[in-house]
Amino acid sequence: MNEHSTKTDDELTAEAIQEGQLAELKRRFKKHMRESENWRNAFDERQNGIIDNCLTYASNKPSGLPGHQLMLIVAEMAGQLDGHMLVEATKLG
């Protein structure tokens, strides 16, 4: 280990394995979502309307309404389940 490094080779190897496993899980999840039934079928019409409102809210430069973070989280989850990432507006912060 060099004098400037704070991690051992074993720690770096473990991190690389974890990153590889995470990438594989993401790949499998995306494949599963493409092959599975439409996830929205699990929700009724009213609930799908709320999801749509969250997606619309997140994509239109949100200003911070009550429930702001919740709407952004729902929009981000819906976007990921639909197989795409949303615009920067959904970055939590």
C-alpha atoms as a PDB file:
ATOM      1  CA  MET A   1       0.000   0.000   0.000  1.00  0.00           C
ATOM      2  CA  ASN A   2       1.509   3.374  -0.887  1.00  0.00           C
ATOM      3  CA  GLU A   3       1.894   5.998   1.831  1.00  0.00           C
ATOM      4  CA  HIS A   4      -0.877   8.232   0.413  1.00  0.00           C
ATOM      5  CA  SER A   5      -3.469   5.476   0.090  1.00  0.00           C
ATOM      6  CA  THR A   6      -5.908   4.893   2.917  1.00  0.00           C
ATOM      7  CA  LYS A   7      -7.345   1.608   1.598  1.00  0.00           C
ATOM      8  CA  THR A   8      -5.684  -1.758   1.418  1.00  0.00           C
ATOM      9  CA  ASP A   9      -5.597  -3.851  -1.734  1.00  0.00           C
ATOM     10  CA  ASP A  10      -8.147  -6.178  -0.138  1.00  0.00           C
ATOM     11  CA  GLU A  11     -10.499  -3.268   0.542  1.00  0.00           C
ATOM     12  CA  LEU A  12     -10.140  -2.019  -3.025  1.00  0.00           C
ATOM     13  CA  THR A  13     -10.793  -5.527  -4.356  1.00  0.00           C
ATOM     14  CA  ALA A  14     -13.903  -5.847  -2.171  1.00  0.00           C
ATOM     15  CA  GLU A  15     -15.174  -2.488  -3.439  1.00  0.00           C
ATOM     16  CA  ALA A  16     -14.593  -3.539  -7.050  1.00  0.00           C
ATOM     17  CA  ILE A  17     -16.521  -6.772  -6.458  1.00  0.00           C
ATOM     18  CA  GLN A  18     -19.381  -4.840  -4.832  1.00  0.00           C
ATOM     19  CA  GLU A  19     -19.480  -2.382  -7.738  1.00  0.00           C
ATOM     20  CA  GLY A  20     -19.532  -5.282 -10.188  1.00  0.00           C
ATOM     21  CA  GLN A  21     -22.329  -6.956  -8.260  1.00  0.00           C
ATOM     22  CA  LEU A  22     -24.299  -3.710  -8.147  1.00  0.00           C
ATOM     23  CA  ALA A  23     -23.891  -3.265 -11.909  1.00  0.00           C
ATOM     24  CA  GLU A  24     -25.095  -6.834 -12.458  1.00  0.00           C
ATOM     25  CA  LEU A  25     -28.121  -6.299 -10.199  1.00  0.00           C
ATOM     26  CA  LYS A  26     -29.016  -3.115 -12.095  1.00  0.00           C
ATOM     27  CA  ARG A  27     -28.683  -4.969 -15.414  1.00  0.00           C
ATOM     28  CA  ARG A  28     -30.896  -7.810 -14.176  1.00  0.00           C
ATOM     29  CA  PHE A  29     -33.472  -5.381 -12.777  1.00  0.00           C
ATOM     30  CA  LYS A  30     -33.711  -3.487 -16.075  1.00  0.00           C
ATOM     31  CA  LYS A  31     -34.044  -6.779 -17.986  1.00  0.00           C
ATOM     32  CA  HIS A  32     -36.727  -7.973 -15.575  1.00  0.00           C
ATOM     33  CA  MET A  33     -38.666  -4.728 -15.944  1.00  0.00           C
ATOM     34  CA  ARG A  34     -38.549  -4.967 -19.745  1.00  0.00           C
ATOM     35  CA  GLU A  35     -39.787  -8.552 -19.640  1.00  0.00           C
ATOM     36  CA  SER A  36     -42.365  -8.189 -16.867  1.00  0.00           C
ATOM     37  CA  GLU A  37     -45.903  -6.938 -17.058  1.00  0.00           C
ATOM     38  CA  ASN A  38     -46.370  -3.212 -17.021  1.00  0.00           C
ATOM     39  CA  TRP A  39     -45.655  -2.231 -13.406  1.00  0.00           C
ATOM     40  CA  ARG A  40     -48.453   0.323 -13.524  1.00  0.00           C
ATOM     41  CA  ASN A  41     -51.019  -2.471 -13.645  1.00  0.00           C
ATOM     42  CA  ALA A  42     -50.416  -2.865  -9.909  1.00  0.00           C
ATOM     43  CA  PHE A  43     -52.037   0.554  -9.338  1.00  0.00           C
ATOM     44  CA  ASP A  44     -55.602   1.733  -9.852  1.00  0.00           C
ATOM     45  CA  GLU A  45     -56.610   4.693 -12.021  1.00  0.00           C
ATOM     46  CA  ARG A  46     -56.435   7.211  -9.167  1.00  0.00           C
ATOM     47  CA  GLN A  47     -52.984   6.019  -8.093  1.00  0.00           C
ATOM     48  CA  ASN A  48     -51.711   6.136 -11.683  1.00  0.00           C
ATOM     49  CA  GLY A  49     -53.021   9.693 -11.876  1.00  0.00           C
ATOM     50  CA  ILE A  50     -50.939  10.594  -8.829  1.00  0.00           C
ATOM     51  CA  ILE A  51     -47.863   8.979 -10.399  1.00  0.00           C
ATOM     52  CA  ASP A  52     -48.479  10.951 -13.611  1.00  0.00           C
ATOM     53  CA  ASN A  53     -48.831  14.163 -11.595  1.00  0.00           C
ATOM     54  CA  CYS A  54     -45.496  13.467  -9.891  1.00  0.00           C
ATOM     55  CA  LEU A  55     -43.809  12.883 -13.258  1.00  0.00           C
ATOM     56  CA  THR A  56     -45.269  16.125 -14.620  1.00  0.00           C
ATOM     57  CA  TYR A  57     -44.291  18.046 -11.492  1.00  0.00           C
ATOM     58  CA  ALA A  58     -40.709  16.762 -11.577  1.00  0.00           C
ATOM     59  CA  SER A  59     -40.220  17.573 -15.260  1.00  0.00           C
ATOM     60  CA  ASN A  60     -41.447  21.188 -14.993  1.00  0.00           C
ATOM     61  CA  LYS A  61     -38.847  22.881 -12.782  1.00  0.00           C
ATOM     62  CA  PRO A  62     -40.480  22.156  -9.425  1.00  0.00           C
ATOM     63  CA  SER A  63     -40.736  25.053  -7.024  1.00  0.00           C
ATOM     64  CA  GLY A  64     -41.142  23.251  -3.727  1.00  0.00           C
ATOM     65  CA  LEU A  65     -44.803  22.549  -3.045  1.00  0.00           C
ATOM     66  CA  PRO A  66     -45.808  20.653   0.092  1.00  0.00           C
ATOM     67  CA  GLY A  67     -44.752  17.055  -0.549  1.00  0.00           C
ATOM     68  CA  HIS A  68     -41.971  18.227  -2.895  1.00  0.00           C
ATOM     69  CA  GLN A  69     -39.463  15.508  -1.931  1.00  0.00           C
ATOM     70  CA  LEU A  70     -42.097  12.766  -2.009  1.00  0.00           C
ATOM     71  CA  MET A  71     -43.220  13.806  -5.499  1.00  0.00           C
ATOM     72  CA  LEU A  72     -39.618  13.782  -6.724  1.00  0.00           C
ATOM     73  CA  ILE A  73     -39.019  10.338  -5.227  1.00  0.00           C
ATOM     74  CA  VAL A  74     -42.178   8.915  -6.845  1.00  0.00           C
ATOM     75  CA  ALA A  75     -41.228  10.492 -10.181  1.00  0.00           C
ATOM     76  CA  GLU A  76     -37.679   9.085 -10.012  1.00  0.00           C
ATOM     77  CA  MET A  77     -38.956   5.605  -9.158  1.00  0.00           C
ATOM     78  CA  ALA A  78     -41.527   5.737 -11.966  1.00  0.00           C
ATOM     79  CA  GLY A  79     -38.888   6.903 -14.426  1.00  0.00           C
ATOM     80  CA  GLN A  80     -36.545   4.088 -13.462  1.00  0.00           C
ATOM     81  CA  LEU A  81     -39.322   1.512 -13.669  1.00  0.00           C
ATOM     82  CA  ASP A  82     -40.197   2.836 -17.113  1.00  0.00           C
ATOM     83  CA  GLY A  83     -36.569   2.293 -18.099  1.00  0.00           C
ATOM     84  CA  HIS A  84     -35.358   5.870 -18.362  1.00  0.00           C
ATOM     85  CA  MET A  85     -33.772   8.436 -16.129  1.00  0.00           C
ATOM     86  CA  LEU A  86     -35.501  11.716 -15.513  1.00  0.00           C
ATOM     87  CA  VAL A  87     -34.089  15.193 -15.942  1.00  0.00           C
ATOM     88  CA  GLU A  88     -31.948  16.931 -13.333  1.00  0.00           C
ATOM     89  CA  ALA A  89     -35.061  18.291 -11.601  1.00  0.00           C
ATOM     90  CA  THR A  90     -35.529  14.958  -9.875  1.00  0.00           C
ATOM     91  CA  LYS A  91     -32.122  15.007  -8.242  1.00  0.00           C
ATOM     92  CA  LEU A  92     -32.927  15.182  -4.574  1.00  0.00           C
ATOM     93  CA  GLY A  93     -31.469  18.006  -2.653  1.00  0.00           C
END
